N, C-alpha and C. Protein backbone atom coordinates (compact mmCIF):
# COMPACT_ATOMS: atom_id res chain seq x y z
N MET A 1 0.85 -1.17 0.00
CA MET A 1 0.00 0.00 0.00
C MET A 1 0.90 1.24 0.00
N ARG A 2 0.54 2.22 -0.85
CA ARG A 2 1.27 3.49 -0.92
C ARG A 2 0.33 4.61 -0.51
N VAL A 3 0.69 5.33 0.52
CA VAL A 3 -0.12 6.45 0.99
C VAL A 3 0.69 7.73 0.81
N GLY A 4 0.09 8.68 0.14
CA GLY A 4 0.73 9.97 -0.05
C GLY A 4 0.40 10.90 1.10
N VAL A 5 1.35 11.78 1.40
CA VAL A 5 1.13 12.84 2.38
C VAL A 5 1.37 14.16 1.66
N LEU A 6 0.35 15.00 1.58
CA LEU A 6 0.51 16.29 0.94
C LEU A 6 1.62 17.05 1.66
N SER A 7 2.66 17.38 0.93
CA SER A 7 3.89 17.88 1.55
C SER A 7 4.22 19.30 1.12
N LEU A 8 3.25 20.18 1.25
CA LEU A 8 3.45 21.58 0.88
C LEU A 8 3.76 22.45 2.09
N GLN A 9 3.22 22.09 3.25
CA GLN A 9 3.40 22.86 4.48
C GLN A 9 2.73 22.08 5.60
N GLY A 10 3.21 22.24 6.81
CA GLY A 10 2.52 21.64 7.95
C GLY A 10 3.20 20.40 8.50
N GLY A 11 2.41 19.57 9.17
CA GLY A 11 2.92 18.41 9.90
C GLY A 11 3.18 17.20 9.03
N VAL A 12 3.97 17.38 8.01
CA VAL A 12 4.24 16.33 7.03
C VAL A 12 5.05 15.18 7.64
N ILE A 13 6.18 15.49 8.21
CA ILE A 13 7.11 14.46 8.67
C ILE A 13 6.49 13.55 9.73
N GLU A 14 5.62 14.12 10.56
CA GLU A 14 4.96 13.31 11.60
C GLU A 14 4.10 12.21 10.95
N HIS A 15 3.38 12.55 9.90
CA HIS A 15 2.55 11.55 9.21
C HIS A 15 3.42 10.53 8.48
N ILE A 16 4.46 11.00 7.83
CA ILE A 16 5.38 10.09 7.13
C ILE A 16 5.96 9.08 8.12
N ASN A 17 6.43 9.57 9.27
CA ASN A 17 7.03 8.69 10.28
C ASN A 17 6.04 7.66 10.81
N HIS A 18 4.80 8.06 11.05
CA HIS A 18 3.79 7.11 11.55
C HIS A 18 3.48 6.05 10.50
N LEU A 19 3.36 6.46 9.25
CA LEU A 19 3.10 5.49 8.19
C LEU A 19 4.23 4.48 8.08
N LYS A 20 5.47 4.96 8.17
CA LYS A 20 6.62 4.06 8.10
C LYS A 20 6.62 3.07 9.26
N LYS A 21 6.23 3.51 10.46
CA LYS A 21 6.15 2.60 11.61
C LYS A 21 5.13 1.50 11.37
N LEU A 22 4.15 1.78 10.53
CA LEU A 22 3.12 0.79 10.20
C LEU A 22 3.49 -0.03 8.96
N ASP A 23 4.74 0.13 8.51
CA ASP A 23 5.23 -0.56 7.31
C ASP A 23 4.40 -0.23 6.07
N ILE A 24 3.97 1.03 6.00
CA ILE A 24 3.25 1.52 4.83
C ILE A 24 4.21 2.38 4.02
N ASP A 25 4.20 2.19 2.72
CA ASP A 25 5.04 2.97 1.83
C ASP A 25 4.49 4.40 1.78
N ALA A 26 5.20 5.34 2.40
CA ALA A 26 4.76 6.73 2.47
C ALA A 26 5.47 7.56 1.41
N LEU A 27 4.70 8.37 0.71
CA LEU A 27 5.23 9.17 -0.37
C LEU A 27 4.86 10.63 -0.16
N GLU A 28 5.85 11.50 -0.25
CA GLU A 28 5.57 12.94 -0.15
C GLU A 28 4.97 13.41 -1.46
N ILE A 29 3.86 14.13 -1.37
CA ILE A 29 3.17 14.65 -2.54
C ILE A 29 3.48 16.14 -2.65
N LYS A 30 4.28 16.48 -3.67
CA LYS A 30 4.67 17.87 -3.90
C LYS A 30 4.32 18.36 -5.30
N LYS A 31 4.11 17.42 -6.22
CA LYS A 31 3.79 17.80 -7.60
C LYS A 31 2.82 16.78 -8.20
N ILE A 32 2.25 17.13 -9.33
CA ILE A 32 1.21 16.31 -9.95
C ILE A 32 1.67 14.87 -10.16
N GLU A 33 2.90 14.69 -10.61
CA GLU A 33 3.39 13.33 -10.88
C GLU A 33 3.37 12.45 -9.64
N ASP A 34 3.49 13.07 -8.46
CA ASP A 34 3.50 12.30 -7.21
C ASP A 34 2.15 11.67 -6.90
N LEU A 35 1.08 12.15 -7.53
CA LEU A 35 -0.26 11.61 -7.28
C LEU A 35 -0.49 10.26 -7.95
N LYS A 36 0.40 9.88 -8.85
CA LYS A 36 0.24 8.61 -9.56
C LYS A 36 0.54 7.43 -8.63
N ASN A 37 -0.25 6.40 -8.75
CA ASN A 37 -0.01 5.14 -8.04
C ASN A 37 -0.03 5.25 -6.52
N ILE A 38 -0.91 6.09 -5.97
CA ILE A 38 -1.10 6.09 -4.51
C ILE A 38 -2.45 5.47 -4.22
N ASP A 39 -2.52 4.84 -3.05
CA ASP A 39 -3.76 4.16 -2.65
C ASP A 39 -4.59 5.00 -1.69
N GLY A 40 -4.05 6.11 -1.25
CA GLY A 40 -4.73 7.01 -0.34
C GLY A 40 -3.87 8.23 -0.12
N ILE A 41 -4.44 9.25 0.52
CA ILE A 41 -3.68 10.47 0.77
C ILE A 41 -4.08 11.07 2.11
N ILE A 42 -3.11 11.68 2.77
CA ILE A 42 -3.33 12.40 4.02
C ILE A 42 -3.04 13.88 3.76
N LEU A 43 -3.95 14.73 4.17
CA LEU A 43 -3.73 16.17 4.14
C LEU A 43 -3.45 16.58 5.58
N PRO A 44 -2.22 16.96 5.89
CA PRO A 44 -1.82 17.19 7.28
C PRO A 44 -2.29 18.53 7.83
N GLY A 45 -2.12 18.67 9.14
CA GLY A 45 -2.35 19.96 9.77
C GLY A 45 -1.28 20.93 9.35
N GLY A 46 -1.57 22.18 9.51
CA GLY A 46 -0.67 23.27 9.14
C GLY A 46 -1.49 24.53 9.09
N GLU A 47 -1.33 25.31 8.05
CA GLU A 47 -2.10 26.54 7.89
C GLU A 47 -2.91 26.39 6.61
N SER A 48 -4.21 26.26 6.74
CA SER A 48 -5.07 25.92 5.60
C SER A 48 -5.01 26.95 4.47
N THR A 49 -4.93 28.22 4.81
CA THR A 49 -4.86 29.24 3.77
C THR A 49 -3.59 29.08 2.94
N THR A 50 -2.48 28.84 3.61
CA THR A 50 -1.20 28.65 2.92
C THR A 50 -1.23 27.39 2.07
N ILE A 51 -1.71 26.28 2.63
CA ILE A 51 -1.76 25.03 1.87
C ILE A 51 -2.69 25.18 0.67
N GLY A 52 -3.84 25.83 0.86
CA GLY A 52 -4.76 26.07 -0.25
C GLY A 52 -4.12 26.87 -1.37
N LYS A 53 -3.38 27.89 -1.01
CA LYS A 53 -2.68 28.71 -2.00
C LYS A 53 -1.62 27.87 -2.73
N LEU A 54 -0.86 27.10 -1.97
CA LEU A 54 0.18 26.27 -2.58
C LEU A 54 -0.40 25.18 -3.47
N LEU A 55 -1.58 24.64 -3.12
CA LEU A 55 -2.24 23.67 -4.00
C LEU A 55 -2.50 24.28 -5.37
N ARG A 56 -2.93 25.52 -5.36
CA ARG A 56 -3.20 26.21 -6.63
C ARG A 56 -1.89 26.57 -7.35
N ASP A 57 -0.93 27.10 -6.62
CA ASP A 57 0.35 27.51 -7.23
C ASP A 57 1.10 26.34 -7.87
N THR A 58 0.96 25.15 -7.30
CA THR A 58 1.66 23.97 -7.83
C THR A 58 0.80 23.18 -8.83
N ASN A 59 -0.39 23.69 -9.11
CA ASN A 59 -1.35 23.04 -10.02
C ASN A 59 -1.80 21.67 -9.53
N LEU A 60 -1.72 21.45 -8.23
CA LEU A 60 -2.20 20.20 -7.63
C LEU A 60 -3.70 20.24 -7.31
N PHE A 61 -4.26 21.42 -7.22
CA PHE A 61 -5.64 21.59 -6.75
C PHE A 61 -6.64 20.72 -7.52
N LEU A 62 -6.76 20.93 -8.82
CA LEU A 62 -7.76 20.21 -9.60
C LEU A 62 -7.48 18.71 -9.71
N PRO A 63 -6.23 18.28 -9.97
CA PRO A 63 -5.98 16.83 -10.02
C PRO A 63 -6.28 16.14 -8.68
N LEU A 64 -5.92 16.78 -7.57
CA LEU A 64 -6.19 16.19 -6.26
C LEU A 64 -7.69 16.13 -6.01
N LYS A 65 -8.39 17.20 -6.29
CA LYS A 65 -9.84 17.22 -6.09
C LYS A 65 -10.50 16.14 -6.94
N SER A 66 -10.08 15.99 -8.17
CA SER A 66 -10.64 14.97 -9.05
C SER A 66 -10.40 13.56 -8.51
N LEU A 67 -9.20 13.29 -8.02
CA LEU A 67 -8.90 11.97 -7.45
C LEU A 67 -9.77 11.69 -6.22
N ILE A 68 -9.92 12.68 -5.37
CA ILE A 68 -10.73 12.50 -4.16
C ILE A 68 -12.19 12.23 -4.55
N LEU A 69 -12.71 13.02 -5.48
CA LEU A 69 -14.10 12.83 -5.91
C LEU A 69 -14.29 11.49 -6.62
N SER A 70 -13.21 10.94 -7.16
CA SER A 70 -13.27 9.63 -7.82
C SER A 70 -13.14 8.48 -6.84
N GLY A 71 -12.95 8.80 -5.55
CA GLY A 71 -12.94 7.74 -4.54
C GLY A 71 -11.62 7.49 -3.85
N LEU A 72 -10.59 8.29 -4.10
CA LEU A 72 -9.31 8.09 -3.41
C LEU A 72 -9.52 8.24 -1.91
N PRO A 73 -9.20 7.22 -1.11
CA PRO A 73 -9.33 7.35 0.35
C PRO A 73 -8.48 8.52 0.83
N THR A 74 -9.10 9.39 1.62
CA THR A 74 -8.48 10.65 2.03
C THR A 74 -8.74 10.90 3.50
N TRP A 75 -7.70 11.41 4.17
CA TRP A 75 -7.82 11.77 5.59
C TRP A 75 -7.20 13.15 5.76
N GLY A 76 -7.91 14.03 6.42
CA GLY A 76 -7.40 15.37 6.70
C GLY A 76 -7.36 15.63 8.19
N THR A 77 -6.22 16.09 8.66
CA THR A 77 -6.10 16.46 10.07
C THR A 77 -5.97 17.96 10.16
N CYS A 78 -6.72 18.56 11.06
CA CYS A 78 -6.65 20.00 11.33
C CYS A 78 -6.83 20.80 10.04
N ALA A 79 -5.78 21.42 9.53
CA ALA A 79 -5.89 22.21 8.29
C ALA A 79 -6.36 21.33 7.14
N GLY A 80 -5.95 20.08 7.13
CA GLY A 80 -6.39 19.16 6.08
C GLY A 80 -7.90 19.00 6.08
N MET A 81 -8.50 18.95 7.26
CA MET A 81 -9.95 18.86 7.37
C MET A 81 -10.61 20.13 6.83
N ILE A 82 -10.01 21.28 7.12
CA ILE A 82 -10.55 22.55 6.62
C ILE A 82 -10.50 22.56 5.09
N LEU A 83 -9.41 22.07 4.52
CA LEU A 83 -9.29 22.01 3.06
C LEU A 83 -10.36 21.11 2.43
N LEU A 84 -10.73 20.05 3.12
CA LEU A 84 -11.69 19.09 2.59
C LEU A 84 -13.14 19.52 2.75
N ALA A 85 -13.43 20.33 3.75
CA ALA A 85 -14.80 20.68 4.12
C ALA A 85 -15.54 21.46 3.04
N LYS A 86 -16.81 21.15 2.89
CA LYS A 86 -17.65 21.91 1.96
C LYS A 86 -17.99 23.28 2.52
N GLU A 87 -17.99 23.40 3.83
CA GLU A 87 -18.35 24.69 4.43
C GLU A 87 -17.41 25.01 5.60
N ILE A 88 -16.92 26.24 5.60
CA ILE A 88 -16.08 26.73 6.69
C ILE A 88 -16.88 27.83 7.37
N GLU A 89 -17.26 27.59 8.60
CA GLU A 89 -18.20 28.45 9.31
C GLU A 89 -17.74 29.91 9.40
N ASN A 90 -16.51 30.15 9.76
CA ASN A 90 -16.08 31.52 10.02
C ASN A 90 -15.02 31.99 9.02
N ASP A 91 -15.18 31.58 7.75
CA ASP A 91 -14.21 31.96 6.73
C ASP A 91 -14.91 31.92 5.37
N THR A 92 -14.68 32.90 4.55
CA THR A 92 -15.32 32.94 3.24
C THR A 92 -14.51 32.21 2.18
N ARG A 93 -13.26 31.86 2.49
CA ARG A 93 -12.43 31.13 1.52
C ARG A 93 -12.99 29.74 1.28
N LYS A 94 -12.80 29.27 0.07
CA LYS A 94 -13.21 27.92 -0.31
C LYS A 94 -11.98 27.17 -0.78
N HIS A 95 -11.92 25.89 -0.44
CA HIS A 95 -10.78 25.07 -0.84
C HIS A 95 -11.30 23.91 -1.68
N LEU A 96 -10.97 22.68 -1.34
CA LEU A 96 -11.35 21.53 -2.15
C LEU A 96 -12.85 21.24 -2.14
N GLN A 97 -13.51 21.45 -1.00
CA GLN A 97 -14.96 21.26 -0.86
C GLN A 97 -15.42 19.88 -1.32
N VAL A 98 -14.78 18.84 -0.82
CA VAL A 98 -15.11 17.48 -1.24
C VAL A 98 -15.74 16.64 -0.13
N MET A 99 -15.79 17.16 1.08
CA MET A 99 -16.34 16.41 2.20
C MET A 99 -17.55 17.16 2.74
N ASP A 100 -18.63 16.44 2.91
CA ASP A 100 -19.88 17.06 3.34
C ASP A 100 -19.86 17.31 4.86
N ILE A 101 -18.99 18.22 5.26
CA ILE A 101 -18.89 18.62 6.66
C ILE A 101 -18.77 20.13 6.75
N LYS A 102 -19.13 20.65 7.91
CA LYS A 102 -18.99 22.06 8.21
C LYS A 102 -17.97 22.17 9.34
N VAL A 103 -16.93 22.99 9.13
CA VAL A 103 -15.89 23.14 10.14
C VAL A 103 -15.79 24.59 10.57
N LYS A 104 -15.14 24.80 11.69
CA LYS A 104 -14.91 26.14 12.20
C LYS A 104 -13.41 26.28 12.43
N ARG A 105 -12.83 27.28 11.80
CA ARG A 105 -11.40 27.53 12.01
C ARG A 105 -11.17 27.91 13.46
N ASN A 106 -9.92 27.73 13.92
CA ASN A 106 -9.66 28.05 15.33
C ASN A 106 -9.94 29.52 15.59
N ALA A 107 -10.22 29.83 16.83
CA ALA A 107 -10.60 31.19 17.22
C ALA A 107 -9.42 32.01 17.70
N PHE A 108 -8.21 31.50 17.50
CA PHE A 108 -7.05 32.18 18.04
C PHE A 108 -6.36 33.10 17.05
N GLY A 109 -6.82 33.15 15.81
CA GLY A 109 -6.17 33.98 14.80
C GLY A 109 -5.19 33.16 14.00
N SER A 110 -4.01 33.72 13.76
CA SER A 110 -3.01 33.03 12.95
C SER A 110 -2.50 31.81 13.69
N GLN A 111 -1.79 30.94 12.95
CA GLN A 111 -1.29 29.70 13.55
C GLN A 111 -0.36 30.00 14.73
N ILE A 112 0.47 31.00 14.62
CA ILE A 112 1.39 31.34 15.70
C ILE A 112 0.64 31.72 16.99
N ASP A 113 -0.58 32.27 16.81
CA ASP A 113 -1.38 32.67 17.97
C ASP A 113 -2.17 31.50 18.57
N SER A 114 -2.10 30.32 17.95
CA SER A 114 -2.84 29.16 18.42
C SER A 114 -2.19 28.48 19.62
N PHE A 115 -0.99 28.88 19.97
CA PHE A 115 -0.27 28.26 21.07
C PHE A 115 -0.48 29.04 22.36
N LYS A 116 -0.58 28.31 23.45
CA LYS A 116 -0.73 28.94 24.76
C LYS A 116 0.59 28.81 25.51
N LYS A 117 0.92 29.83 26.27
CA LYS A 117 2.15 29.78 27.06
C LYS A 117 1.87 29.36 28.47
């Protein structure tokens, strides 16, 4: 089994390391060619606005969305879930919109402000 991890920004290495511990062939997804021959994909946590922009800048947006809509098993954590959601409660930006869920971005502002001291 080959599982891709979207590797544009965020908690990429943590997902790669966990997949390797499970003896799963983990592949970093950075360009369109990387989407070939994967059995699933993980969209990691990070900053959803940045990842969404990078998906478009790298031309991964439409091919990834098409694969997901065609049935590619997909898991999104934190920002990944925001990218997948059809509705973002407190944000007008739209991303992949492939999962019939409504999410709410964190209330702390930017990612740097999400940490407590």
